[in-house]
Amino acid sequence: MTRTRPYRAPHHSASMAALVGGGLKVKPGEVSLAHLGVLFLDELPEFQRAVLDSLRQPLETGTVSVARANAHVTFPARVQLIAAMN
């Protein structure tokens, strides 16, 4: 059993799939990997608008739903979001 909470700090060039999950073989993204921990977004204005918009559902519901033709997966995503910019 781990006693430390996750801390994730994706680069501002991260894709939507990297942040919320997805891909051909559905995998969790950074927001799910930070579940019950901290998601730190440095240089917030540098993130693509669509990528930031994709965080709305996880922040409101605490889950990420990824739907593909062959699978529908829900990942937990309760995070403390911290954003910084210069």
Foldseek 3Di string as FASTA:
>chain_A
DDDDQDEAEDALVDDLCQAAFDDPPTDGHPQLSRQVHEYEYEAVVSHDPVSVVQCVVCDVPQWGWDDDPVDIDIGGGHHDYHYYHD
